[in-house]
Amino acid sequence: MGQLHLDKKALKKAKVNIVGISYDPVEVLKRFADRGEIDYPMLYDEGSKVIDAFGIRNEAMDGKKFGKNDLTGVPHPGTYVLSDEGVILGKLFLERYQDRHTTEAIINLVNEVVK
């Protein structure tokens, strides 16, 4: 689950808060956080219900494994920009589950959609 570090200073300056949603169980997310691989809050999406509700499941990964890890339910990596009221203002998505957006790409999206 690499490439999850973002430039906190740049995000704070841009007034951007990050929260991740993952199909990984809480214990797995805690291990990533304890090892310093995740440096922002993560929410566990049990059964990929939120992932499916947003239509972002990477179906090409269903039934596949990465080592011992079942990739069924993994989403396409993406970023949503929400208003203070929870309205989606913009989004960025990638195809490969291994890829992540850079801090710069996220800030550019925020600047583009938040007026």
PDB file of N, CA and C in Angstrom:
ATOM      1  N   MET A   1       0.847  -1.185   0.000  1.00  0.00           N
ATOM      2  CA  MET A   1       0.000   0.000   0.000  1.00  0.00           C
ATOM      3  C   MET A   1       0.885   1.237   0.000  1.00  0.00           C
ATOM      4  N   GLY A   2       1.833   1.304  -0.889  1.00  0.00           N
ATOM      5  CA  GLY A   2       2.777   2.405  -0.929  1.00  0.00           C
ATOM      6  C   GLY A   2       2.187   3.671  -1.518  1.00  0.00           C
ATOM      7  N   GLN A   3       2.997   4.695  -1.597  1.00  0.00           N
ATOM      8  CA  GLN A   3       2.643   5.975  -2.196  1.00  0.00           C
ATOM      9  C   GLN A   3       1.488   6.666  -1.478  1.00  0.00           C
ATOM     10  N   LEU A   4       1.345   6.437  -0.186  1.00  0.00           N
ATOM     11  CA  LEU A   4       0.238   7.051   0.530  1.00  0.00           C
ATOM     12  C   LEU A   4       0.647   8.273   1.330  1.00  0.00           C
ATOM     13  N   HIS A   5       1.902   8.664   1.232  1.00  0.00           N
ATOM     14  CA  HIS A   5       2.338   9.850   1.969  1.00  0.00           C
ATOM     15  C   HIS A   5       2.049  11.095   1.149  1.00  0.00           C
ATOM     16  N   LEU A   6       1.431  12.047   1.799  1.00  0.00           N
ATOM     17  CA  LEU A   6       1.131  13.314   1.159  1.00  0.00           C
ATOM     18  C   LEU A   6       1.840  14.416   1.921  1.00  0.00           C
ATOM     19  N   ASP A   7       2.059  15.530   1.256  1.00  0.00           N
ATOM     20  CA  ASP A   7       2.734  16.668   1.859  1.00  0.00           C
ATOM     21  C   ASP A   7       1.747  17.404   2.772  1.00  0.00           C
ATOM     22  N   LYS A   8       1.795  17.085   4.062  1.00  0.00           N
ATOM     23  CA  LYS A   8       0.839  17.655   5.020  1.00  0.00           C
ATOM     24  C   LYS A   8       0.909  19.177   5.072  1.00  0.00           C
ATOM     25  N   LYS A   9       2.109  19.715   4.968  1.00  0.00           N
ATOM     26  CA  LYS A   9       2.283  21.169   5.040  1.00  0.00           C
ATOM     27  C   LYS A   9       1.577  21.841   3.854  1.00  0.00           C
ATOM     28  N   ALA A  10       1.765  21.299   2.657  1.00  0.00           N
ATOM     29  CA  ALA A  10       1.130  21.859   1.462  1.00  0.00           C
ATOM     30  C   ALA A  10      -0.388  21.709   1.529  1.00  0.00           C
ATOM     31  N   LEU A  11      -0.860  20.568   2.031  1.00  0.00           N
ATOM     32  CA  LEU A  11      -2.303  20.359   2.154  1.00  0.00           C
ATOM     33  C   LEU A  11      -2.912  21.330   3.160  1.00  0.00           C
ATOM     34  N   LYS A  12      -2.228  21.526   4.276  1.00  0.00           N
ATOM     35  CA  LYS A  12      -2.726  22.455   5.303  1.00  0.00           C
ATOM     36  C   LYS A  12      -2.791  23.871   4.743  1.00  0.00           C
ATOM     37  N   LYS A  13      -1.751  24.276   4.017  1.00  0.00           N
ATOM     38  CA  LYS A  13      -1.719  25.614   3.413  1.00  0.00           C
ATOM     39  C   LYS A  13      -2.886  25.787   2.436  1.00  0.00           C
ATOM     40  N   ALA A  14      -3.224  24.706   1.707  1.00  0.00           N
ATOM     41  CA  ALA A  14      -4.329  24.755   0.747  1.00  0.00           C
ATOM     42  C   ALA A  14      -5.686  24.505   1.418  1.00  0.00           C
ATOM     43  N   LYS A  15      -5.667  24.321   2.752  1.00  0.00           N
ATOM     44  CA  LYS A  15      -6.884  24.056   3.532  1.00  0.00           C
ATOM     45  C   LYS A  15      -7.590  22.787   3.064  1.00  0.00           C
ATOM     46  N   VAL A  16      -6.787  21.734   2.845  1.00  0.00           N
ATOM     47  CA  VAL A  16      -7.300  20.445   2.384  1.00  0.00           C
ATOM     48  C   VAL A  16      -7.126  19.413   3.490  1.00  0.00           C
ATOM     49  N   ASN A  17      -8.197  18.717   3.816  1.00  0.00           N
ATOM     50  CA  ASN A  17      -8.145  17.593   4.752  1.00  0.00           C
ATOM     51  C   ASN A  17      -8.318  16.304   3.961  1.00  0.00           C
ATOM     52  N   ILE A  18      -7.570  15.286   4.316  1.00  0.00           N
ATOM     53  CA  ILE A  18      -7.622  13.995   3.632  1.00  0.00           C
ATOM     54  C   ILE A  18      -8.163  12.941   4.592  1.00  0.00           C
ATOM     55  N   VAL A  19      -9.086  12.125   4.086  1.00  0.00           N
ATOM     56  CA  VAL A  19      -9.566  10.932   4.781  1.00  0.00           C
ATOM     57  C   VAL A  19      -9.638   9.845   3.724  1.00  0.00           C
ATOM     58  N   GLY A  20      -9.086   8.685   4.029  1.00  0.00           N
ATOM     59  CA  GLY A  20      -9.117   7.575   3.088  1.00  0.00           C
ATOM     60  C   GLY A  20     -10.197   6.575   3.440  1.00  0.00           C
ATOM     61  N   ILE A  21     -10.663   5.856   2.425  1.00  0.00           N
ATOM     62  CA  ILE A  21     -11.598   4.749   2.621  1.00  0.00           C
ATOM     63  C   ILE A  21     -10.956   3.527   1.986  1.00  0.00           C
ATOM     64  N   SER A  22     -10.932   2.430   2.739  1.00  0.00           N
ATOM     65  CA  SER A  22     -10.260   1.222   2.265  1.00  0.00           C
ATOM     66  C   SER A  22     -11.090  -0.014   2.553  1.00  0.00           C
ATOM     67  N   TYR A  23     -10.952  -1.001   1.697  1.00  0.00           N
ATOM     68  CA  TYR A  23     -11.598  -2.289   1.952  1.00  0.00           C
ATOM     69  C   TYR A  23     -10.774  -3.129   2.921  1.00  0.00           C
ATOM     70  N   ASP A  24      -9.581  -2.661   3.255  1.00  0.00           N
ATOM     71  CA  ASP A  24      -8.726  -3.377   4.206  1.00  0.00           C
ATOM     72  C   ASP A  24      -9.317  -3.285   5.609  1.00  0.00           C
ATOM     73  N   PRO A  25      -9.302  -4.400   6.366  1.00  0.00           N
ATOM     74  CA  PRO A  25      -9.806  -4.386   7.744  1.00  0.00           C
ATOM     75  C   PRO A  25      -9.007  -3.435   8.639  1.00  0.00           C
ATOM     76  N   VAL A  26      -9.621  -3.040   9.741  1.00  0.00           N
ATOM     77  CA  VAL A  26      -9.026  -2.095  10.681  1.00  0.00           C
ATOM     78  C   VAL A  26      -7.635  -2.545  11.123  1.00  0.00           C
ATOM     79  N   GLU A  27      -7.466  -3.854  11.403  1.00  0.00           N
ATOM     80  CA  GLU A  27      -6.156  -4.349  11.866  1.00  0.00           C
ATOM     81  C   GLU A  27      -5.068  -4.086  10.819  1.00  0.00           C
ATOM     82  N   VAL A  28      -5.415  -4.271   9.552  1.00  0.00           N
ATOM     83  CA  VAL A  28      -4.453  -4.039   8.466  1.00  0.00           C
ATOM     84  C   VAL A  28      -4.130  -2.553   8.376  1.00  0.00           C
ATOM     85  N   LEU A  29      -5.149  -1.711   8.429  1.00  0.00           N
ATOM     86  CA  LEU A  29      -4.929  -0.262   8.366  1.00  0.00           C
ATOM     87  C   LEU A  29      -4.081   0.207   9.542  1.00  0.00           C
ATOM     88  N   LYS A  30      -4.323  -0.370  10.717  1.00  0.00           N
ATOM     89  CA  LYS A  30      -3.530  -0.011  11.892  1.00  0.00           C
ATOM     90  C   LYS A  30      -2.066  -0.387  11.688  1.00  0.00           C
ATOM     91  N   ARG A  31      -1.805  -1.556  11.110  1.00  0.00           N
ATOM     92  CA  ARG A  31      -0.411  -1.958  10.842  1.00  0.00           C
ATOM     93  C   ARG A  31       0.261  -0.970   9.892  1.00  0.00           C
ATOM     94  N   PHE A  32      -0.453  -0.572   8.834  1.00  0.00           N
ATOM     95  CA  PHE A  32       0.113   0.412   7.905  1.00  0.00           C
ATOM     96  C   PHE A  32       0.420   1.719   8.630  1.00  0.00           C
ATOM     97  N   ALA A  33      -0.513   2.161   9.465  1.00  0.00           N
ATOM     98  CA  ALA A  33      -0.311   3.408  10.214  1.00  0.00           C
ATOM     99  C   ALA A  33       0.844   3.272  11.194  1.00  0.00           C
ATOM    100  N   ASP A  34       0.903   2.145  11.913  1.00  0.00           N
ATOM    101  CA  ASP A  34       1.986   1.926  12.882  1.00  0.00           C
ATOM    102  C   ASP A  34       3.355   1.919  12.212  1.00  0.00           C
ATOM    103  N   ARG A  35       3.421   1.440  10.981  1.00  0.00           N
ATOM    104  CA  ARG A  35       4.691   1.408  10.237  1.00  0.00           C
ATOM    105  C   ARG A  35       4.968   2.734   9.530  1.00  0.00           C
ATOM    106  N   GLY A  36       4.051   3.687   9.658  1.00  0.00           N
ATOM    107  CA  GLY A  36       4.248   4.992   9.038  1.00  0.00           C
ATOM    108  C   GLY A  36       3.926   5.024   7.559  1.00  0.00           C
ATOM    109  N   GLU A  37       3.187   4.022   7.060  1.00  0.00           N
ATOM    110  CA  GLU A  37       2.858   3.969   5.637  1.00  0.00           C
ATOM    111  C   GLU A  37       1.613   4.778   5.293  1.00  0.00           C
ATOM    112  N   ILE A  38       0.827   5.118   6.293  1.00  0.00           N
ATOM    113  CA  ILE A  38      -0.354   5.963   6.116  1.00  0.00           C
ATOM    114  C   ILE A  38      -0.243   7.077   7.143  1.00  0.00           C
ATOM    115  N   ASP A  39      -0.410   8.307   6.693  1.00  0.00           N
ATOM    116  CA  ASP A  39      -0.289   9.409   7.644  1.00  0.00           C
ATOM    117  C   ASP A  39      -1.526  10.308   7.656  1.00  0.00           C
ATOM    118  N   TYR A  40      -2.684   9.715   7.380  1.00  0.00           N
ATOM    119  CA  TYR A  40      -3.961  10.420   7.483  1.00  0.00           C
ATOM    120  C   TYR A  40      -5.030   9.408   7.890  1.00  0.00           C
ATOM    121  N   PRO A  41      -6.184   9.873   8.384  1.00  0.00           N
ATOM    122  CA  PRO A  41      -7.216   8.946   8.853  1.00  0.00           C
ATOM    123  C   PRO A  41      -7.736   8.046   7.735  1.00  0.00           C
ATOM    124  N   MET A  42      -7.959   6.780   8.080  1.00  0.00           N
ATOM    125  CA  MET A  42      -8.509   5.808   7.137  1.00  0.00           C
ATOM    126  C   MET A  42      -9.773   5.199   7.732  1.00  0.00           C
ATOM    127  N   LEU A  43     -10.770   5.013   6.901  1.00  0.00           N
ATOM    128  CA  LEU A  43     -12.024   4.388   7.301  1.00  0.00           C
ATOM    129  C   LEU A  43     -12.123   3.019   6.643  1.00  0.00           C
ATOM    130  N   TYR A  44     -12.588   2.035   7.394  1.00  0.00           N
ATOM    131  CA  TYR A  44     -12.748   0.678   6.887  1.00  0.00           C
ATOM    132  C   TYR A  44     -14.117   0.544   6.229  1.00  0.00           C
ATOM    133  N   ASP A  45     -14.129   0.158   4.968  1.00  0.00           N
ATOM    134  CA  ASP A  45     -15.355  -0.049   4.204  1.00  0.00           C
ATOM    135  C   ASP A  45     -15.641  -1.552   4.146  1.00  0.00           C
ATOM    136  N   GLU A  46     -16.250  -2.068   5.199  1.00  0.00           N
ATOM    137  CA  GLU A  46     -16.516  -3.507   5.296  1.00  0.00           C
ATOM    138  C   GLU A  46     -17.399  -3.977   4.137  1.00  0.00           C
ATOM    139  N   GLY A  47     -16.919  -5.001   3.437  1.00  0.00           N
ATOM    140  CA  GLY A  47     -17.668  -5.545   2.309  1.00  0.00           C
ATOM    141  C   GLY A  47     -17.684  -4.640   1.094  1.00  0.00           C
ATOM    142  N   SER A  48     -16.853  -3.606   1.085  1.00  0.00           N
ATOM    143  CA  SER A  48     -16.754  -2.646  -0.036  1.00  0.00           C
ATOM    144  C   SER A  48     -18.107  -2.008  -0.369  1.00  0.00           C
ATOM    145  N   LYS A  49     -18.937  -1.783   0.640  1.00  0.00           N
ATOM    146  CA  LYS A  49     -20.279  -1.226   0.414  1.00  0.00           C
ATOM    147  C   LYS A  49     -20.231   0.198  -0.129  1.00  0.00           C
ATOM    148  N   VAL A  50     -19.367   1.033   0.441  1.00  0.00           N
ATOM    149  CA  VAL A  50     -19.244   2.414  -0.041  1.00  0.00           C
ATOM    150  C   VAL A  50     -18.597   2.415  -1.425  1.00  0.00           C
ATOM    151  N   ILE A  51     -17.581   1.578  -1.583  1.00  0.00           N
ATOM    152  CA  ILE A  51     -16.904   1.450  -2.881  1.00  0.00           C
ATOM    153  C   ILE A  51     -17.925   1.102  -3.958  1.00  0.00           C
ATOM    154  N   ASP A  52     -18.785   0.116  -3.683  1.00  0.00           N
ATOM    155  CA  ASP A  52     -19.803  -0.285  -4.658  1.00  0.00           C
ATOM    156  C   ASP A  52     -20.859   0.797  -4.855  1.00  0.00           C
ATOM    157  N   ALA A  53     -21.249   1.480  -3.775  1.00  0.00           N
ATOM    158  CA  ALA A  53     -22.261   2.538  -3.884  1.00  0.00           C
ATOM    159  C   ALA A  53     -21.788   3.663  -4.800  1.00  0.00           C
ATOM    160  N   PHE A  54     -20.484   3.924  -4.792  1.00  0.00           N
ATOM    161  CA  PHE A  54     -19.927   4.974  -5.650  1.00  0.00           C
ATOM    162  C   PHE A  54     -19.508   4.442  -7.019  1.00  0.00           C
ATOM    163  N   GLY A  55     -19.639   3.127  -7.240  1.00  0.00           N
ATOM    164  CA  GLY A  55     -19.317   2.539  -8.545  1.00  0.00           C
ATOM    165  C   GLY A  55     -17.843   2.589  -8.888  1.00  0.00           C
ATOM    166  N   ILE A  56     -16.981   2.475  -7.866  1.00  0.00           N
ATOM    167  CA  ILE A  56     -15.542   2.601  -8.126  1.00  0.00           C
ATOM    168  C   ILE A  56     -14.774   1.299  -7.887  1.00  0.00           C
ATOM    169  N   ARG A  57     -15.495   0.170  -7.762  1.00  0.00           N
ATOM    170  CA  ARG A  57     -14.822  -1.121  -7.587  1.00  0.00           C
ATOM    171  C   ARG A  57     -14.019  -1.442  -8.846  1.00  0.00           C
ATOM    172  N   ASN A  58     -12.787  -1.880  -8.646  1.00  0.00           N
ATOM    173  CA  ASN A  58     -11.935  -2.314  -9.752  1.00  0.00           C
ATOM    174  C   ASN A  58     -12.234  -3.792  -9.993  1.00  0.00           C
ATOM    175  N   GLU A  59     -13.237  -4.063 -10.804  1.00  0.00           N
ATOM    176  CA  GLU A  59     -13.709  -5.429 -11.028  1.00  0.00           C
ATOM    177  C   GLU A  59     -12.649  -6.324 -11.651  1.00  0.00           C
ATOM    178  N   ALA A  60     -11.668  -5.731 -12.310  1.00  0.00           N
ATOM    179  CA  ALA A  60     -10.579  -6.532 -12.892  1.00  0.00           C
ATOM    180  C   ALA A  60      -9.771  -7.230 -11.804  1.00  0.00           C
ATOM    181  N   MET A  61      -9.856  -6.744 -10.575  1.00  0.00           N
ATOM    182  CA  MET A  61      -9.095  -7.328  -9.464  1.00  0.00           C
ATOM    183  C   MET A  61      -9.888  -8.375  -8.683  1.00  0.00           C
ATOM    184  N   ASP A  62     -11.201  -8.465  -8.905  1.00  0.00           N
ATOM    185  CA  ASP A  62     -12.017  -9.445  -8.183  1.00  0.00           C
ATOM    186  C   ASP A  62     -11.497 -10.854  -8.443  1.00  0.00           C
ATOM    187  N   GLY A  63     -11.291 -11.596  -7.370  1.00  0.00           N
ATOM    188  CA  GLY A  63     -10.803 -12.971  -7.468  1.00  0.00           C
ATOM    189  C   GLY A  63      -9.293 -13.094  -7.554  1.00  0.00           C
ATOM    190  N   LYS A  64      -8.587 -11.973  -7.668  1.00  0.00           N
ATOM    191  CA  LYS A  64      -7.126 -12.006  -7.751  1.00  0.00           C
ATOM    192  C   LYS A  64      -6.517 -11.834  -6.369  1.00  0.00           C
ATOM    193  N   LYS A  65      -5.269 -12.215  -6.269  1.00  0.00           N
ATOM    194  CA  LYS A  65      -4.559 -12.103  -4.995  1.00  0.00           C
ATOM    195  C   LYS A  65      -3.235 -11.380  -5.200  1.00  0.00           C
ATOM    196  N   PHE A  66      -2.811 -10.680  -4.148  1.00  0.00           N
ATOM    197  CA  PHE A  66      -1.478 -10.094  -4.072  1.00  0.00           C
ATOM    198  C   PHE A  66      -0.853 -10.749  -2.858  1.00  0.00           C
ATOM    199  N   GLY A  67      -0.023 -11.754  -3.091  1.00  0.00           N
ATOM    200  CA  GLY A  67       0.469 -12.577  -1.986  1.00  0.00           C
ATOM    201  C   GLY A  67      -0.706 -13.318  -1.393  1.00  0.00           C
ATOM    202  N   LYS A  68      -0.935 -13.147  -0.103  1.00  0.00           N
ATOM    203  CA  LYS A  68      -2.074 -13.787   0.570  1.00  0.00           C
ATOM    204  C   LYS A  68      -3.322 -12.907   0.558  1.00  0.00           C
ATOM    205  N   ASN A  69      -3.187 -11.673   0.108  1.00  0.00           N
ATOM    206  CA  ASN A  69      -4.294 -10.713   0.176  1.00  0.00           C
ATOM    207  C   ASN A  69      -5.242 -10.851  -1.006  1.00  0.00           C
ATOM    208  N   ASP A  70      -6.518 -11.033  -0.703  1.00  0.00           N
ATOM    209  CA  ASP A  70      -7.563 -11.086  -1.720  1.00  0.00           C
ATOM    210  C   ASP A  70      -7.855  -9.655  -2.175  1.00  0.00           C
ATOM    211  N   LEU A  71      -7.806  -9.421  -3.466  1.00  0.00           N
ATOM    212  CA  LEU A  71      -8.027  -8.075  -3.996  1.00  0.00           C
ATOM    213  C   LEU A  71      -9.484  -7.819  -4.379  1.00  0.00           C
ATOM    214  N   THR A  72     -10.361  -8.776  -4.107  1.00  0.00           N
ATOM    215  CA  THR A  72     -11.780  -8.589  -4.397  1.00  0.00           C
ATOM    216  C   THR A  72     -12.313  -7.414  -3.580  1.00  0.00           C
ATOM    217  N   GLY A  73     -12.916  -6.464  -4.267  1.00  0.00           N
ATOM    218  CA  GLY A  73     -13.486  -5.297  -3.595  1.00  0.00           C
ATOM    219  C   GLY A  73     -12.596  -4.077  -3.599  1.00  0.00           C
ATOM    220  N   VAL A  74     -11.369  -4.220  -4.117  1.00  0.00           N
ATOM    221  CA  VAL A  74     -10.463  -3.071  -4.154  1.00  0.00           C
ATOM    222  C   VAL A  74     -11.020  -2.027  -5.143  1.00  0.00           C
ATOM    223  N   PRO A  75     -10.961  -0.754  -4.775  1.00  0.00           N
ATOM    224  CA  PRO A  75     -11.457   0.281  -5.684  1.00  0.00           C
ATOM    225  C   PRO A  75     -10.365   0.765  -6.639  1.00  0.00           C
ATOM    226  N   HIS A  76     -10.810   1.481  -7.662  1.00  0.00           N
ATOM    227  CA  HIS A  76      -9.863   2.278  -8.431  1.00  0.00           C
ATOM    228  C   HIS A  76      -9.424   3.389  -7.489  1.00  0.00           C
ATOM    229  N   PRO A  77      -8.124   3.697  -7.423  1.00  0.00           N
ATOM    230  CA  PRO A  77      -7.701   4.774  -6.531  1.00  0.00           C
ATOM    231  C   PRO A  77      -8.250   6.113  -7.015  1.00  0.00           C
ATOM    232  N   GLY A  78      -8.816   6.831  -6.100  1.00  0.00           N
ATOM    233  CA  GLY A  78      -9.412   8.088  -6.503  1.00  0.00           C
ATOM    234  C   GLY A  78      -9.449   9.100  -5.387  1.00  0.00           C
ATOM    235  N   THR A  79      -9.769  10.299  -5.778  1.00  0.00           N
ATOM    236  CA  THR A  79      -9.878  11.418  -4.855  1.00  0.00           C
ATOM    237  C   THR A  79     -11.148  12.185  -5.187  1.00  0.00           C
ATOM    238  N   TYR A  80     -11.955  12.430  -4.171  1.00  0.00           N
ATOM    239  CA  TYR A  80     -13.126  13.300  -4.309  1.00  0.00           C
ATOM    240  C   TYR A  80     -12.846  14.579  -3.541  1.00  0.00           C
ATOM    241  N   VAL A  81     -13.276  15.696  -4.094  1.00  0.00           N
ATOM    242  CA  VAL A  81     -13.241  16.972  -3.381  1.00  0.00           C
ATOM    243  C   VAL A  81     -14.682  17.269  -2.990  1.00  0.00           C
ATOM    244  N   LEU A  82     -14.892  17.457  -1.679  1.00  0.00           N
ATOM    245  CA  LEU A  82     -16.228  17.724  -1.155  1.00  0.00           C
ATOM    246  C   LEU A  82     -16.329  19.146  -0.631  1.00  0.00           C
ATOM    247  N   SER A  83     -17.516  19.707  -0.751  1.00  0.00           N
ATOM    248  CA  SER A  83     -17.783  21.006  -0.129  1.00  0.00           C
ATOM    249  C   SER A  83     -17.972  20.787   1.366  1.00  0.00           C
ATOM    250  N   ASP A  84     -18.060  21.866   2.115  1.00  0.00           N
ATOM    251  CA  ASP A  84     -18.329  21.765   3.552  1.00  0.00           C
ATOM    252  C   ASP A  84     -19.673  21.085   3.817  1.00  0.00           C
ATOM    253  N   GLU A  85     -20.572  21.134   2.836  1.00  0.00           N
ATOM    254  CA  GLU A  85     -21.892  20.523   2.975  1.00  0.00           C
ATOM    255  C   GLU A  85     -21.903  19.067   2.513  1.00  0.00           C
ATOM    256  N   GLY A  86     -20.769  18.555   2.025  1.00  0.00           N
ATOM    257  CA  GLY A  86     -20.688  17.163   1.585  1.00  0.00           C
ATOM    258  C   GLY A  86     -21.024  16.936   0.123  1.00  0.00           C
ATOM    259  N   VAL A  87     -21.133  17.998  -0.656  1.00  0.00           N
ATOM    260  CA  VAL A  87     -21.413  17.887  -2.084  1.00  0.00           C
ATOM    261  C   VAL A  87     -20.105  17.620  -2.826  1.00  0.00           C
ATOM    262  N   ILE A  88     -20.125  16.656  -3.744  1.00  0.00           N
ATOM    263  CA  ILE A  88     -18.926  16.356  -4.535  1.00  0.00           C
ATOM    264  C   ILE A  88     -18.723  17.472  -5.556  1.00  0.00           C
ATOM    265  N   LEU A  89     -17.570  18.128  -5.475  1.00  0.00           N
ATOM    266  CA  LEU A  89     -17.243  19.230  -6.381  1.00  0.00           C
ATOM    267  C   LEU A  89     -16.351  18.779  -7.529  1.00  0.00           C
ATOM    268  N   GLY A  90     -15.580  17.734  -7.312  1.00  0.00           N
ATOM    269  CA  GLY A  90     -14.670  17.247  -8.341  1.00  0.00           C
ATOM    270  C   GLY A  90     -14.101  15.903  -7.946  1.00  0.00           C
ATOM    271  N   LYS A  91     -13.480  15.226  -8.923  1.00  0.00           N
ATOM    272  CA  LYS A  91     -12.878  13.926  -8.632  1.00  0.00           C
ATOM    273  C   LYS A  91     -11.752  13.625  -9.603  1.00  0.00           C
ATOM    274  N   LEU A  92     -10.830  12.792  -9.128  1.00  0.00           N
ATOM    275  CA  LEU A  92      -9.703  12.284  -9.924  1.00  0.00           C
ATOM    276  C   LEU A  92      -9.642  10.785  -9.691  1.00  0.00           C
ATOM    277  N   PHE A  93      -9.451   9.999 -10.739  1.00  0.00           N
ATOM    278  CA  PHE A  93      -9.318   8.554 -10.566  1.00  0.00           C
ATOM    279  C   PHE A  93      -8.219   7.997 -11.443  1.00  0.00           C
ATOM    280  N   LEU A  94      -7.637   6.904 -10.979  1.00  0.00           N
ATOM    281  CA  LEU A  94      -6.596   6.178 -11.699  1.00  0.00           C
ATOM    282  C   LEU A  94      -7.090   4.753 -11.937  1.00  0.00           C
ATOM    283  N   GLU A  95      -6.518   4.069 -12.905  1.00  0.00           N
ATOM    284  CA  GLU A  95      -6.930   2.700 -13.224  1.00  0.00           C
ATOM    285  C   GLU A  95      -6.322   1.669 -12.286  1.00  0.00           C
ATOM    286  N   ARG A  96      -5.022   1.769 -12.058  1.00  0.00           N
ATOM    287  CA  ARG A  96      -4.306   0.722 -11.316  1.00  0.00           C
ATOM    288  C   ARG A  96      -4.420   0.941  -9.812  1.00  0.00           C
ATOM    289  N   TYR A  97      -4.766  -0.126  -9.076  1.00  0.00           N
ATOM    290  CA  TYR A  97      -4.923  -0.010  -7.625  1.00  0.00           C
ATOM    291  C   TYR A  97      -3.616   0.358  -6.935  1.00  0.00           C
ATOM    292  N   GLN A  98      -2.484   0.137  -7.595  1.00  0.00           N
ATOM    293  CA  GLN A  98      -1.181   0.424  -6.994  1.00  0.00           C
ATOM    294  C   GLN A  98      -0.822   1.911  -7.047  1.00  0.00           C
ATOM    295  N   ASP A  99      -1.493   2.669  -7.884  1.00  0.00           N
ATOM    296  CA  ASP A  99      -1.143   4.077  -8.091  1.00  0.00           C
ATOM    297  C   ASP A  99      -1.917   4.989  -7.138  1.00  0.00           C
ATOM    298  N   ARG A 100      -1.353   6.146  -6.874  1.00  0.00           N
ATOM    299  CA  ARG A 100      -1.995   7.147  -6.019  1.00  0.00           C
ATOM    300  C   ARG A 100      -1.741   8.535  -6.607  1.00  0.00           C
ATOM    301  N   HIS A 101      -2.641   9.453  -6.307  1.00  0.00           N
ATOM    302  CA  HIS A 101      -2.448  10.833  -6.749  1.00  0.00           C
ATOM    303  C   HIS A 101      -1.403  11.516  -5.879  1.00  0.00           C
ATOM    304  N   THR A 102      -0.700  12.447  -6.475  1.00  0.00           N
ATOM    305  CA  THR A 102       0.286  13.232  -5.740  1.00  0.00           C
ATOM    306  C   THR A 102      -0.426  14.363  -4.995  1.00  0.00           C
ATOM    307  N   THR A 103       0.265  14.911  -4.023  1.00  0.00           N
ATOM    308  CA  THR A 103      -0.261  16.076  -3.310  1.00  0.00           C
ATOM    309  C   THR A 103      -0.561  17.194  -4.302  1.00  0.00           C
ATOM    310  N   GLU A 104       0.349  17.410  -5.237  1.00  0.00           N
ATOM    311  CA  GLU A 104       0.180  18.475  -6.227  1.00  0.00           C
ATOM    312  C   GLU A 104      -1.092  18.270  -7.049  1.00  0.00           C
ATOM    313  N   ALA A 105      -1.361  17.044  -7.486  1.00  0.00           N
ATOM    314  CA  ALA A 105      -2.563  16.768  -8.278  1.00  0.00           C
ATOM    315  C   ALA A 105      -3.826  17.042  -7.467  1.00  0.00           C
ATOM    316  N   ILE A 106      -3.805  16.672  -6.195  1.00  0.00           N
ATOM    317  CA  ILE A 106      -4.968  16.899  -5.327  1.00  0.00           C
ATOM    318  C   ILE A 106      -5.193  18.393  -5.122  1.00  0.00           C
ATOM    319  N   ILE A 107      -4.138  19.133  -4.837  1.00  0.00           N
ATOM    320  CA  ILE A 107      -4.265  20.581  -4.628  1.00  0.00           C
ATOM    321  C   ILE A 107      -4.714  21.268  -5.914  1.00  0.00           C
ATOM    322  N   ASN A 108      -4.193  20.834  -7.058  1.00  0.00           N
ATOM    323  CA  ASN A 108      -4.628  21.408  -8.338  1.00  0.00           C
ATOM    324  C   ASN A 108      -6.124  21.192  -8.554  1.00  0.00           C
ATOM    325  N   LEU A 109      -6.613  19.993  -8.234  1.00  0.00           N
ATOM    326  CA  LEU A 109      -8.045  19.720  -8.366  1.00  0.00           C
ATOM    327  C   LEU A 109      -8.849  20.625  -7.439  1.00  0.00           C
ATOM    328  N   VAL A 110      -8.412  20.747  -6.194  1.00  0.00           N
ATOM    329  CA  VAL A 110      -9.111  21.617  -5.239  1.00  0.00           C
ATOM    330  C   VAL A 110      -9.165  23.042  -5.780  1.00  0.00           C
ATOM    331  N   ASN A 111      -8.041  23.557  -6.241  1.00  0.00           N
ATOM    332  CA  ASN A 111      -7.996  24.927  -6.765  1.00  0.00           C
ATOM    333  C   ASN A 111      -8.887  25.093  -7.990  1.00  0.00           C
ATOM    334  N   GLU A 112      -9.025  24.028  -8.769  1.00  0.00           N
ATOM    335  CA  GLU A 112      -9.841  24.062  -9.978  1.00  0.00           C
ATOM    336  C   GLU A 112     -11.340  24.112  -9.659  1.00  0.00           C
ATOM    337  N   VAL A 113     -11.766  23.377  -8.633  1.00  0.00           N
ATOM    338  CA  VAL A 113     -13.209  23.244  -8.387  1.00  0.00           C
ATOM    339  C   VAL A 113     -13.742  24.119  -7.256  1.00  0.00           C
ATOM    340  N   VAL A 114     -12.878  24.583  -6.382  1.00  0.00           N
ATOM    341  CA  VAL A 114     -13.323  25.421  -5.265  1.00  0.00           C
ATOM    342  C   VAL A 114     -13.075  26.872  -5.630  1.00  0.00           C
ATOM    343  N   LYS A 115     -14.126  27.585  -5.763  1.00  0.00           N
ATOM    344  CA  LYS A 115     -14.006  28.998  -6.164  1.00  0.00           C
ATOM    345  C   LYS A 115     -14.308  29.904  -4.990  1.00  0.00           C
TER     346      LYS A 115
END
